[in-house]
All heavy atoms as atom14 arrays in JSON, in Angstrom:
{
  "sequence": "KGRFAISRDNSKNTVFLQMNSLKPEDSAVYYCNAWDRTQEYWGQGT",
  "atom14_mask": [
    [1, 1, 1, 1, 1, 1, 1, 1, 1, 0, 0, 0, 0, 0],
    [1, 1, 1, 1, 0, 0, 0, 0, 0, 0, 0, 0, 0, 0],
    [1, 1, 1, 1, 1, 1, 1, 1, 1, 1, 1, 0, 0, 0],
    [1, 1, 1, 1, 1, 1, 1, 1, 1, 1, 1, 0, 0, 0],
    [1, 1, 1, 1, 1, 0, 0, 0, 0, 0, 0, 0, 0, 0],
    [1, 1, 1, 1, 1, 1, 1, 1, 0, 0, 0, 0, 0, 0],
    [1, 1, 1, 1, 1, 1, 0, 0, 0, 0, 0, 0, 0, 0],
    [1, 1, 1, 1, 1, 1, 1, 1, 1, 1, 1, 0, 0, 0],
    [1, 1, 1, 1, 1, 1, 1, 1, 0, 0, 0, 0, 0, 0],
    [1, 1, 1, 1, 1, 1, 1, 1, 0, 0, 0, 0, 0, 0],
    [1, 1, 1, 1, 1, 1, 0, 0, 0, 0, 0, 0, 0, 0],
    [1, 1, 1, 1, 1, 1, 1, 1, 1, 0, 0, 0, 0, 0],
    [1, 1, 1, 1, 1, 1, 1, 1, 0, 0, 0, 0, 0, 0],
    [1, 1, 1, 1, 1, 1, 1, 0, 0, 0, 0, 0, 0, 0],
    [1, 1, 1, 1, 1, 1, 1, 0, 0, 0, 0, 0, 0, 0],
    [1, 1, 1, 1, 1, 1, 1, 1, 1, 1, 1, 0, 0, 0],
    [1, 1, 1, 1, 1, 1, 1, 1, 0, 0, 0, 0, 0, 0],
    [1, 1, 1, 1, 1, 1, 1, 1, 1, 0, 0, 0, 0, 0],
    [1, 1, 1, 1, 1, 1, 1, 1, 0, 0, 0, 0, 0, 0],
    [1, 1, 1, 1, 1, 1, 1, 1, 0, 0, 0, 0, 0, 0],
    [1, 1, 1, 1, 1, 1, 0, 0, 0, 0, 0, 0, 0, 0],
    [1, 1, 1, 1, 1, 1, 1, 1, 0, 0, 0, 0, 0, 0],
    [1, 1, 1, 1, 1, 1, 1, 1, 1, 0, 0, 0, 0, 0],
    [1, 1, 1, 1, 1, 1, 1, 0, 0, 0, 0, 0, 0, 0],
    [1, 1, 1, 1, 1, 1, 1, 1, 1, 0, 0, 0, 0, 0],
    [1, 1, 1, 1, 1, 1, 1, 1, 0, 0, 0, 0, 0, 0],
    [1, 1, 1, 1, 1, 1, 0, 0, 0, 0, 0, 0, 0, 0],
    [1, 1, 1, 1, 1, 0, 0, 0, 0, 0, 0, 0, 0, 0],
    [1, 1, 1, 1, 1, 1, 1, 0, 0, 0, 0, 0, 0, 0],
    [1, 1, 1, 1, 1, 1, 1, 1, 1, 1, 1, 1, 0, 0],
    [1, 1, 1, 1, 1, 1, 1, 1, 1, 1, 1, 1, 0, 0],
    [1, 1, 1, 1, 1, 1, 0, 0, 0, 0, 0, 0, 0, 0],
    [1, 1, 1, 1, 1, 1, 1, 1, 0, 0, 0, 0, 0, 0],
    [1, 1, 1, 1, 1, 0, 0, 0, 0, 0, 0, 0, 0, 0],
    [1, 1, 1, 1, 1, 1, 1, 1, 1, 1, 1, 1, 1, 1],
    [1, 1, 1, 1, 1, 1, 1, 1, 0, 0, 0, 0, 0, 0],
    [1, 1, 1, 1, 1, 1, 1, 1, 1, 1, 1, 0, 0, 0],
    [1, 1, 1, 1, 1, 1, 1, 0, 0, 0, 0, 0, 0, 0],
    [1, 1, 1, 1, 1, 1, 1, 1, 1, 0, 0, 0, 0, 0],
    [1, 1, 1, 1, 1, 1, 1, 1, 1, 0, 0, 0, 0, 0],
    [1, 1, 1, 1, 1, 1, 1, 1, 1, 1, 1, 1, 0, 0],
    [1, 1, 1, 1, 1, 1, 1, 1, 1, 1, 1, 1, 1, 1],
    [1, 1, 1, 1, 0, 0, 0, 0, 0, 0, 0, 0, 0, 0],
    [1, 1, 1, 1, 1, 1, 1, 1, 1, 0, 0, 0, 0, 0],
    [1, 1, 1, 1, 0, 0, 0, 0, 0, 0, 0, 0, 0, 0],
    [1, 1, 1, 1, 1, 1, 1, 0, 0, 0, 0, 0, 0, 0]
  ],
  "atom14_positions": [
    [[19.97, 9.53, -14.09], [21.27, 9.95, -14.64], [22.32, 10.21, -13.57], [23.0, 11.24, -13.58], [21.08, 11.19, -15.52], [20.29, 10.93, -16.79], [20.33, 12.14, -17.71], [19.63, 11.84, -19.02], [19.67, 12.99, -19.96], [0.0, 0.0, 0.0], [0.0, 0.0, 0.0], [0.0, 0.0, 0.0], [0.0, 0.0, 0.0], [0.0, 0.0, 0.0]],
    [[22.46, 9.27, -12.64], [23.51, 9.35, -11.65], [23.25, 10.28, -10.5], [24.11, 10.42, -9.62], [0.0, 0.0, 0.0], [0.0, 0.0, 0.0], [0.0, 0.0, 0.0], [0.0, 0.0, 0.0], [0.0, 0.0, 0.0], [0.0, 0.0, 0.0], [0.0, 0.0, 0.0], [0.0, 0.0, 0.0], [0.0, 0.0, 0.0], [0.0, 0.0, 0.0]],
    [[22.11, 10.91, -10.45], [21.82, 11.88, -9.4], [21.32, 11.25, -8.11], [21.45, 11.86, -7.05], [20.79, 12.9, -9.9], [21.25, 13.72, -11.09], [20.18, 14.72, -11.52], [18.96, 14.05, -11.99], [17.76, 14.21, -11.44], [17.6, 15.02, -10.4], [16.71, 13.56, -11.93], [0.0, 0.0, 0.0], [0.0, 0.0, 0.0], [0.0, 0.0, 0.0]],
    [[20.73, 10.06, -8.22], [20.14, 9.41, -7.06], [20.93, 8.16, -6.7], [21.58, 7.54, -7.54], [18.69, 8.99, -7.35], [17.73, 10.11, -7.59], [18.13, 11.44, -7.55], [16.4, 9.83, -7.84], [17.23, 12.47, -7.78], [15.49, 10.84, -8.06], [15.9, 12.16, -8.03], [0.0, 0.0, 0.0], [0.0, 0.0, 0.0], [0.0, 0.0, 0.0]],
    [[20.86, 7.77, -5.44], [21.49, 6.55, -4.97], [20.59, 5.85, -3.97], [20.13, 6.47, -3.0], [22.85, 6.84, -4.35], [0.0, 0.0, 0.0], [0.0, 0.0, 0.0], [0.0, 0.0, 0.0], [0.0, 0.0, 0.0], [0.0, 0.0, 0.0], [0.0, 0.0, 0.0], [0.0, 0.0, 0.0], [0.0, 0.0, 0.0], [0.0, 0.0, 0.0]],
    [[20.33, 4.57, -4.2], [19.53, 3.78, -3.28], [20.45, 2.92, -2.43], [21.48, 2.44, -2.89], [18.5, 2.91, -4.04], [17.52, 2.27, -3.07], [19.2, 1.86, -4.91], [16.33, 1.59, -3.75], [0.0, 0.0, 0.0], [0.0, 0.0, 0.0], [0.0, 0.0, 0.0], [0.0, 0.0, 0.0], [0.0, 0.0, 0.0], [0.0, 0.0, 0.0]],
    [[20.09, 2.76, -1.18], [20.85, 1.92, -0.28], [19.89, 1.31, 0.74], [18.75, 1.75, 0.88], [21.96, 2.71, 0.43], [21.42, 3.76, 1.21], [0.0, 0.0, 0.0], [0.0, 0.0, 0.0], [0.0, 0.0, 0.0], [0.0, 0.0, 0.0], [0.0, 0.0, 0.0], [0.0, 0.0, 0.0], [0.0, 0.0, 0.0], [0.0, 0.0, 0.0]],
    [[20.37, 0.28, 1.43], [19.54, -0.35, 2.45], [20.4, -0.77, 3.62], [21.58, -1.09, 3.48], [18.77, -1.55, 1.88], [19.64, -2.71, 1.44], [18.84, -3.73, 0.63], [17.82, -4.4, 1.42], [16.82, -5.13, 0.92], [16.7, -5.25, -0.4], [15.95, -5.71, 1.73], [0.0, 0.0, 0.0], [0.0, 0.0, 0.0], [0.0, 0.0, 0.0]],
    [[19.79, -0.75, 4.78], [20.42, -1.21, 6.0], [19.52, -2.3, 6.57], [18.5, -2.02, 7.2], [20.59, -0.07, 6.99], [21.36, -0.47, 8.23], [21.51, -1.67, 8.5], [21.82, 0.43, 8.96], [0.0, 0.0, 0.0], [0.0, 0.0, 0.0], [0.0, 0.0, 0.0], [0.0, 0.0, 0.0], [0.0, 0.0, 0.0], [0.0, 0.0, 0.0]],
    [[19.9, -3.56, 6.31], [19.06, -4.67, 6.72], [18.96, -4.79, 8.25], [17.97, -5.31, 8.76], [19.58, -5.98, 6.14], [19.3, -6.11, 4.65], [18.5, -5.35, 4.09], [19.94, -7.06, 4.0], [0.0, 0.0, 0.0], [0.0, 0.0, 0.0], [0.0, 0.0, 0.0], [0.0, 0.0, 0.0], [0.0, 0.0, 0.0], [0.0, 0.0, 0.0]],
    [[19.99, -4.33, 8.94], [19.94, -4.37, 10.4], [18.93, -3.4, 10.97], [18.47, -3.57, 12.1], [21.33, -4.1, 10.98], [21.71, -2.75, 10.8], [0.0, 0.0, 0.0], [0.0, 0.0, 0.0], [0.0, 0.0, 0.0], [0.0, 0.0, 0.0], [0.0, 0.0, 0.0], [0.0, 0.0, 0.0], [0.0, 0.0, 0.0], [0.0, 0.0, 0.0]],
    [[18.58, -2.39, 10.19], [17.61, -1.38, 10.61], [16.28, -1.5, 9.87], [15.38, -0.69, 10.11], [18.17, 0.02, 10.4], [19.47, 0.29, 11.13], [19.27, 0.32, 12.63], [20.56, 0.71, 13.35], [20.39, 0.7, 14.83], [0.0, 0.0, 0.0], [0.0, 0.0, 0.0], [0.0, 0.0, 0.0], [0.0, 0.0, 0.0], [0.0, 0.0, 0.0]],
    [[16.17, -2.48, 8.98], [14.96, -2.66, 8.18], [14.56, -1.36, 7.47], [13.39, -0.98, 7.45], [13.8, -3.15, 9.05], [13.95, -4.6, 9.45], [14.95, -5.25, 9.17], [12.93, -5.13, 10.13], [0.0, 0.0, 0.0], [0.0, 0.0, 0.0], [0.0, 0.0, 0.0], [0.0, 0.0, 0.0], [0.0, 0.0, 0.0], [0.0, 0.0, 0.0]],
    [[15.55, -0.71, 6.88], [15.33, 0.59, 6.28], [16.0, 0.68, 4.92], [17.12, 0.2, 4.73], [15.88, 1.71, 7.19], [15.26, 1.62, 8.49], [15.57, 3.08, 6.61], [0.0, 0.0, 0.0], [0.0, 0.0, 0.0], [0.0, 0.0, 0.0], [0.0, 0.0, 0.0], [0.0, 0.0, 0.0], [0.0, 0.0, 0.0], [0.0, 0.0, 0.0]],
    [[15.31, 1.3, 3.97], [15.86, 1.59, 2.66], [15.87, 3.1, 2.48], [14.96, 3.8, 2.96], [15.08, 0.89, 1.54], [13.63, 1.37, 1.48], [15.76, 1.09, 0.19], [0.0, 0.0, 0.0], [0.0, 0.0, 0.0], [0.0, 0.0, 0.0], [0.0, 0.0, 0.0], [0.0, 0.0, 0.0], [0.0, 0.0, 0.0], [0.0, 0.0, 0.0]],
    [[16.91, 3.61, 1.82], [17.11, 5.04, 1.65], [17.16, 5.4, 0.18], [17.51, 4.59, -0.67], [18.42, 5.48, 2.3], [18.54, 5.12, 3.75], [19.18, 3.94, 4.12], [18.03, 5.94, 4.73], [19.3, 3.59, 5.45], [18.15, 5.6, 6.07], [18.78, 4.43, 6.44], [0.0, 0.0, 0.0], [0.0, 0.0, 0.0], [0.0, 0.0, 0.0]],
    [[16.85, 6.63, -0.11], [17.05, 7.19, -1.44], [17.69, 8.56, -1.29], [17.03, 9.5, -0.84], [15.74, 7.29, -2.21], [15.86, 7.81, -3.65], [16.59, 6.79, -4.52], [14.5, 8.14, -4.24], [0.0, 0.0, 0.0], [0.0, 0.0, 0.0], [0.0, 0.0, 0.0], [0.0, 0.0, 0.0], [0.0, 0.0, 0.0], [0.0, 0.0, 0.0]],
    [[18.96, 8.66, -1.65], [19.66, 9.93, -1.65], [19.42, 10.6, -2.99], [19.76, 10.04, -4.03], [21.15, 9.73, -1.41], [21.97, 11.01, -1.42], [21.64, 11.93, -0.27], [21.55, 11.48, 0.87], [21.44, 13.21, -0.56], [0.0, 0.0, 0.0], [0.0, 0.0, 0.0], [0.0, 0.0, 0.0], [0.0, 0.0, 0.0], [0.0, 0.0, 0.0]],
    [[18.87, 11.79, -2.97], [18.54, 12.51, -4.19], [19.34, 13.81, -4.22], [19.19, 14.65, -3.34], [17.04, 12.81, -4.27], [16.17, 11.57, -4.17], [14.42, 11.92, -4.48], [14.05, 12.96, -3.07], [0.0, 0.0, 0.0], [0.0, 0.0, 0.0], [0.0, 0.0, 0.0], [0.0, 0.0, 0.0], [0.0, 0.0, 0.0], [0.0, 0.0, 0.0]],
    [[20.17, 13.95, -5.24], [20.99, 15.13, -5.42], [20.64, 15.83, -6.72], [20.03, 15.23, -7.61], [22.47, 14.75, -5.42], [22.92, 14.09, -4.14], [22.52, 14.48, -3.04], [23.77, 13.07, -4.26], [0.0, 0.0, 0.0], [0.0, 0.0, 0.0], [0.0, 0.0, 0.0], [0.0, 0.0, 0.0], [0.0, 0.0, 0.0], [0.0, 0.0, 0.0]],
    [[21.06, 17.07, -6.84], [20.84, 17.86, -8.06], [19.38, 17.8, -8.49], [19.07, 17.56, -9.66], [21.76, 17.37, -9.18], [23.11, 17.47, -8.81], [0.0, 0.0, 0.0], [0.0, 0.0, 0.0], [0.0, 0.0, 0.0], [0.0, 0.0, 0.0], [0.0, 0.0, 0.0], [0.0, 0.0, 0.0], [0.0, 0.0, 0.0], [0.0, 0.0, 0.0]],
    [[18.5, 18.02, -7.56], [17.08, 17.88, -7.83], [16.58, 18.91, -8.83], [17.03, 20.06, -8.84], [16.29, 17.97, -6.53], [16.36, 16.71, -5.66], [15.94, 17.01, -4.24], [15.48, 15.62, -6.26], [0.0, 0.0, 0.0], [0.0, 0.0, 0.0], [0.0, 0.0, 0.0], [0.0, 0.0, 0.0], [0.0, 0.0, 0.0], [0.0, 0.0, 0.0]],
    [[15.65, 18.47, -9.65], [15.05, 19.29, -10.69], [13.56, 19.42, -10.43], [12.96, 18.55, -9.79], [15.28, 18.66, -12.06], [16.73, 18.38, -12.4], [16.84, 17.62, -13.71], [18.28, 17.31, -14.05], [18.4, 16.56, -15.33], [0.0, 0.0, 0.0], [0.0, 0.0, 0.0], [0.0, 0.0, 0.0], [0.0, 0.0, 0.0], [0.0, 0.0, 0.0]],
    [[12.92, 20.47, -10.95], [11.47, 20.6, -10.78], [10.7, 19.37, -11.25], [9.68, 19.02, -10.63], [11.14, 21.84, -11.63], [12.37, 22.66, -11.56], [13.51, 21.67, -11.58], [0.0, 0.0, 0.0], [0.0, 0.0, 0.0], [0.0, 0.0, 0.0], [0.0, 0.0, 0.0], [0.0, 0.0, 0.0], [0.0, 0.0, 0.0], [0.0, 0.0, 0.0]],
    [[11.17, 18.7, -12.3], [10.48, 17.53, -12.8], [10.6, 16.32, -11.87], [9.95, 15.3, -12.1], [10.97, 17.14, -14.21], [12.48, 17.02, -14.32], [13.14, 18.28, -14.87], [12.77, 19.39, -14.44], [14.02, 18.15, -15.75], [0.0, 0.0, 0.0], [0.0, 0.0, 0.0], [0.0, 0.0, 0.0], [0.0, 0.0, 0.0], [0.0, 0.0, 0.0]],
    [[11.43, 16.42, -10.83], [11.49, 15.38, -9.81], [10.35, 15.49, -8.8], [10.18, 14.59, -7.98], [12.82, 15.43, -9.06], [14.01, 15.09, -9.94], [13.91, 14.16, -10.76], [15.05, 15.76, -9.79], [0.0, 0.0, 0.0], [0.0, 0.0, 0.0], [0.0, 0.0, 0.0], [0.0, 0.0, 0.0], [0.0, 0.0, 0.0], [0.0, 0.0, 0.0]],
    [[9.61, 16.57, -8.85], [8.5, 16.77, -7.92], [7.47, 15.66, -8.11], [6.99, 15.42, -9.21], [7.85, 18.13, -8.14], [8.75, 19.18, -7.88], [0.0, 0.0, 0.0], [0.0, 0.0, 0.0], [0.0, 0.0, 0.0], [0.0, 0.0, 0.0], [0.0, 0.0, 0.0], [0.0, 0.0, 0.0], [0.0, 0.0, 0.0], [0.0, 0.0, 0.0]],
    [[7.13, 14.99, -7.02], [6.19, 13.88, -7.06], [5.99, 13.36, -5.65], [6.69, 13.76, -4.72], [6.73, 12.75, -7.95], [0.0, 0.0, 0.0], [0.0, 0.0, 0.0], [0.0, 0.0, 0.0], [0.0, 0.0, 0.0], [0.0, 0.0, 0.0], [0.0, 0.0, 0.0], [0.0, 0.0, 0.0], [0.0, 0.0, 0.0], [0.0, 0.0, 0.0]],
    [[5.02, 12.47, -5.52], [4.92, 11.68, -4.3], [5.79, 10.45, -4.49], [5.65, 9.73, -5.49], [3.47, 11.28, -4.0], [3.41, 10.39, -2.76], [2.61, 12.51, -3.8], [0.0, 0.0, 0.0], [0.0, 0.0, 0.0], [0.0, 0.0, 0.0], [0.0, 0.0, 0.0], [0.0, 0.0, 0.0], [0.0, 0.0, 0.0], [0.0, 0.0, 0.0]],
    [[6.67, 10.22, -3.56], [7.59, 9.09, -3.63], [7.1, 7.98, -2.71], [6.85, 8.21, -1.53], [9.01, 9.52, -3.24], [9.7, 10.29, -4.33], [9.3, 11.57, -4.67], [10.77, 9.73, -5.04], [9.91, 12.27, -5.69], [11.4, 10.42, -6.06], [10.96, 11.7, -6.38], [11.59, 12.39, -7.39], [0.0, 0.0, 0.0], [0.0, 0.0, 0.0]],
    [[7.0, 6.77, -3.27], [6.46, 5.62, -2.55], [7.52, 4.55, -2.36], [8.27, 4.23, -3.28], [5.29, 5.01, -3.32], [4.1, 5.91, -3.48], [3.96, 6.72, -4.6], [3.1, 5.95, -2.51], [2.86, 7.54, -4.76], [2.0, 6.77, -2.67], [1.89, 7.56, -3.79], [0.79, 8.38, -3.94], [0.0, 0.0, 0.0], [0.0, 0.0, 0.0]],
    [[7.53, 3.97, -1.2], [8.38, 2.83, -0.89], [7.64, 1.55, -1.26], [6.44, 1.43, -1.03], [8.73, 2.84, 0.59], [9.82, 1.52, 1.13], [0.0, 0.0, 0.0], [0.0, 0.0, 0.0], [0.0, 0.0, 0.0], [0.0, 0.0, 0.0], [0.0, 0.0, 0.0], [0.0, 0.0, 0.0], [0.0, 0.0, 0.0], [0.0, 0.0, 0.0]],
    [[8.38, 0.59, -1.83], [7.81, -0.67, -2.27], [8.65, -1.84, -1.8], [9.88, -1.77, -1.83], [7.7, -0.67, -3.8], [7.3, -2.02, -4.37], [8.16, -2.79, -4.79], [6.01, -2.3, -4.38], [0.0, 0.0, 0.0], [0.0, 0.0, 0.0], [0.0, 0.0, 0.0], [0.0, 0.0, 0.0], [0.0, 0.0, 0.0], [0.0, 0.0, 0.0]],
    [[8.0, -2.91, -1.38], [8.67, -4.16, -1.03], [8.07, -5.28, -1.87], [6.84, -5.41, -1.95], [8.5, -4.46, 0.45], [0.0, 0.0, 0.0], [0.0, 0.0, 0.0], [0.0, 0.0, 0.0], [0.0, 0.0, 0.0], [0.0, 0.0, 0.0], [0.0, 0.0, 0.0], [0.0, 0.0, 0.0], [0.0, 0.0, 0.0], [0.0, 0.0, 0.0]],
    [[8.93, -6.11, -2.5], [8.48, -7.14, -3.44], [9.28, -8.42, -3.25], [10.49, -8.38, -3.11], [8.65, -6.61, -4.87], [8.22, -7.55, -5.94], [6.96, -7.73, -6.42], [9.06, -8.44, -6.7], [6.95, -8.68, -7.43], [8.23, -9.13, -7.62], [10.43, -8.72, -6.68], [8.73, -10.07, -8.51], [10.92, -9.67, -7.57], [10.08, -10.32, -8.46]],
    [[8.56, -9.56, -3.28], [9.24, -10.85, -3.14], [8.73, -11.92, -4.09], [8.83, -13.1, -3.81], [9.15, -11.34, -1.68], [7.79, -11.93, -1.33], [6.81, -11.7, -2.05], [7.72, -12.64, -0.31], [0.0, 0.0, 0.0], [0.0, 0.0, 0.0], [0.0, 0.0, 0.0], [0.0, 0.0, 0.0], [0.0, 0.0, 0.0], [0.0, 0.0, 0.0]],
    [[8.18, -11.58, -5.23], [7.62, -12.43, -6.28], [6.17, -12.82, -6.01], [5.37, -12.88, -6.95], [8.44, -13.7, -6.51], [9.86, -13.46, -6.96], [10.49, -14.74, -7.45], [11.89, -14.56, -7.81], [12.6, -15.43, -8.48], [12.06, -16.57, -8.88], [13.88, -15.19, -8.75], [0.0, 0.0, 0.0], [0.0, 0.0, 0.0], [0.0, 0.0, 0.0]],
    [[5.83, -13.11, -4.77], [4.49, -13.56, -4.46], [3.58, -12.44, -3.94], [2.36, -12.54, -4.02], [4.51, -14.68, -3.42], [5.08, -14.21, -2.2], [5.33, -15.86, -3.94], [0.0, 0.0, 0.0], [0.0, 0.0, 0.0], [0.0, 0.0, 0.0], [0.0, 0.0, 0.0], [0.0, 0.0, 0.0], [0.0, 0.0, 0.0], [0.0, 0.0, 0.0]],
    [[4.19, -11.4, -3.43], [3.4, -10.3, -2.9], [4.22, -9.03, -2.84], [5.45, -9.09, -2.89], [2.86, -10.64, -1.52], [3.93, -10.96, -0.5], [3.36, -11.49, 0.8], [2.15, -11.4, 1.05], [4.21, -12.04, 1.64], [0.0, 0.0, 0.0], [0.0, 0.0, 0.0], [0.0, 0.0, 0.0], [0.0, 0.0, 0.0], [0.0, 0.0, 0.0]],
    [[3.57, -7.93, -2.75], [4.27, -6.66, -2.6], [3.47, -5.73, -1.7], [2.26, -5.88, -1.53], [4.56, -6.01, -3.95], [3.34, -5.56, -4.72], [3.72, -4.87, -6.02], [4.88, -4.46, -6.18], [2.84, -4.75, -6.9], [0.0, 0.0, 0.0], [0.0, 0.0, 0.0], [0.0, 0.0, 0.0], [0.0, 0.0, 0.0], [0.0, 0.0, 0.0]],
    [[4.19, -4.77, -1.15], [3.6, -3.82, -0.23], [4.03, -2.42, -0.61], [5.08, -2.21, -1.21], [4.04, -4.13, 1.2], [3.71, -5.52, 1.66], [4.67, -6.53, 1.6], [2.45, -5.85, 2.13], [4.37, -7.82, 2.0], [2.14, -7.14, 2.54], [3.11, -8.12, 2.47], [2.81, -9.4, 2.87], [0.0, 0.0, 0.0], [0.0, 0.0, 0.0]],
    [[3.19, -1.47, -0.24], [3.44, -0.07, -0.55], [3.31, 0.79, 0.69], [2.46, 0.55, 1.54], [2.45, 0.45, -1.59], [2.6, -0.18, -2.94], [1.96, -1.29, -3.41], [3.45, 0.28, -4.0], [2.36, -1.55, -4.7], [3.27, -0.61, -5.08], [4.33, 1.35, -4.13], [3.95, -0.44, -6.29], [5.01, 1.5, -5.33], [4.81, 0.61, -6.39]],
    [[4.15, 1.81, 0.76], [4.01, 2.81, 1.79], [2.98, 3.85, 1.39], [2.4, 3.81, 0.3], [0.0, 0.0, 0.0], [0.0, 0.0, 0.0], [0.0, 0.0, 0.0], [0.0, 0.0, 0.0], [0.0, 0.0, 0.0], [0.0, 0.0, 0.0], [0.0, 0.0, 0.0], [0.0, 0.0, 0.0], [0.0, 0.0, 0.0], [0.0, 0.0, 0.0]],
    [[2.75, 4.8, 2.27], [1.74, 5.83, 2.02], [2.26, 6.97, 1.16], [1.47, 7.77, 0.67], [1.23, 6.37, 3.36], [2.12, 7.39, 4.04], [3.39, 6.81, 4.63], [3.54, 5.6, 4.78], [4.33, 7.69, 4.98], [0.0, 0.0, 0.0], [0.0, 0.0, 0.0], [0.0, 0.0, 0.0], [0.0, 0.0, 0.0], [0.0, 0.0, 0.0]],
    [[3.56, 7.06, 1.0], [4.15, 8.08, 0.17], [4.63, 9.29, 0.95], [4.1, 9.61, 2.02], [0.0, 0.0, 0.0], [0.0, 0.0, 0.0], [0.0, 0.0, 0.0], [0.0, 0.0, 0.0], [0.0, 0.0, 0.0], [0.0, 0.0, 0.0], [0.0, 0.0, 0.0], [0.0, 0.0, 0.0], [0.0, 0.0, 0.0], [0.0, 0.0, 0.0]],
    [[5.64, 9.95, 0.4], [6.12, 11.21, 0.96], [6.29, 12.2, -0.19], [6.82, 11.86, -1.24], [7.43, 11.01, 1.75], [7.81, 12.25, 2.37], [8.56, 10.52, 0.86], [0.0, 0.0, 0.0], [0.0, 0.0, 0.0], [0.0, 0.0, 0.0], [0.0, 0.0, 0.0], [0.0, 0.0, 0.0], [0.0, 0.0, 0.0], [0.0, 0.0, 0.0]]
  ]
}
């Protein structure tokens, strides 16, 4: 609902997630994912 914003910096090979107005129900392990139709990869989570 407009609280989060995703962005990427291809020059830095980095993707970001800005999370604002956080709620208790946002509590979770957050995982990074990369997908290209043929394969995907996952981070370990934060």
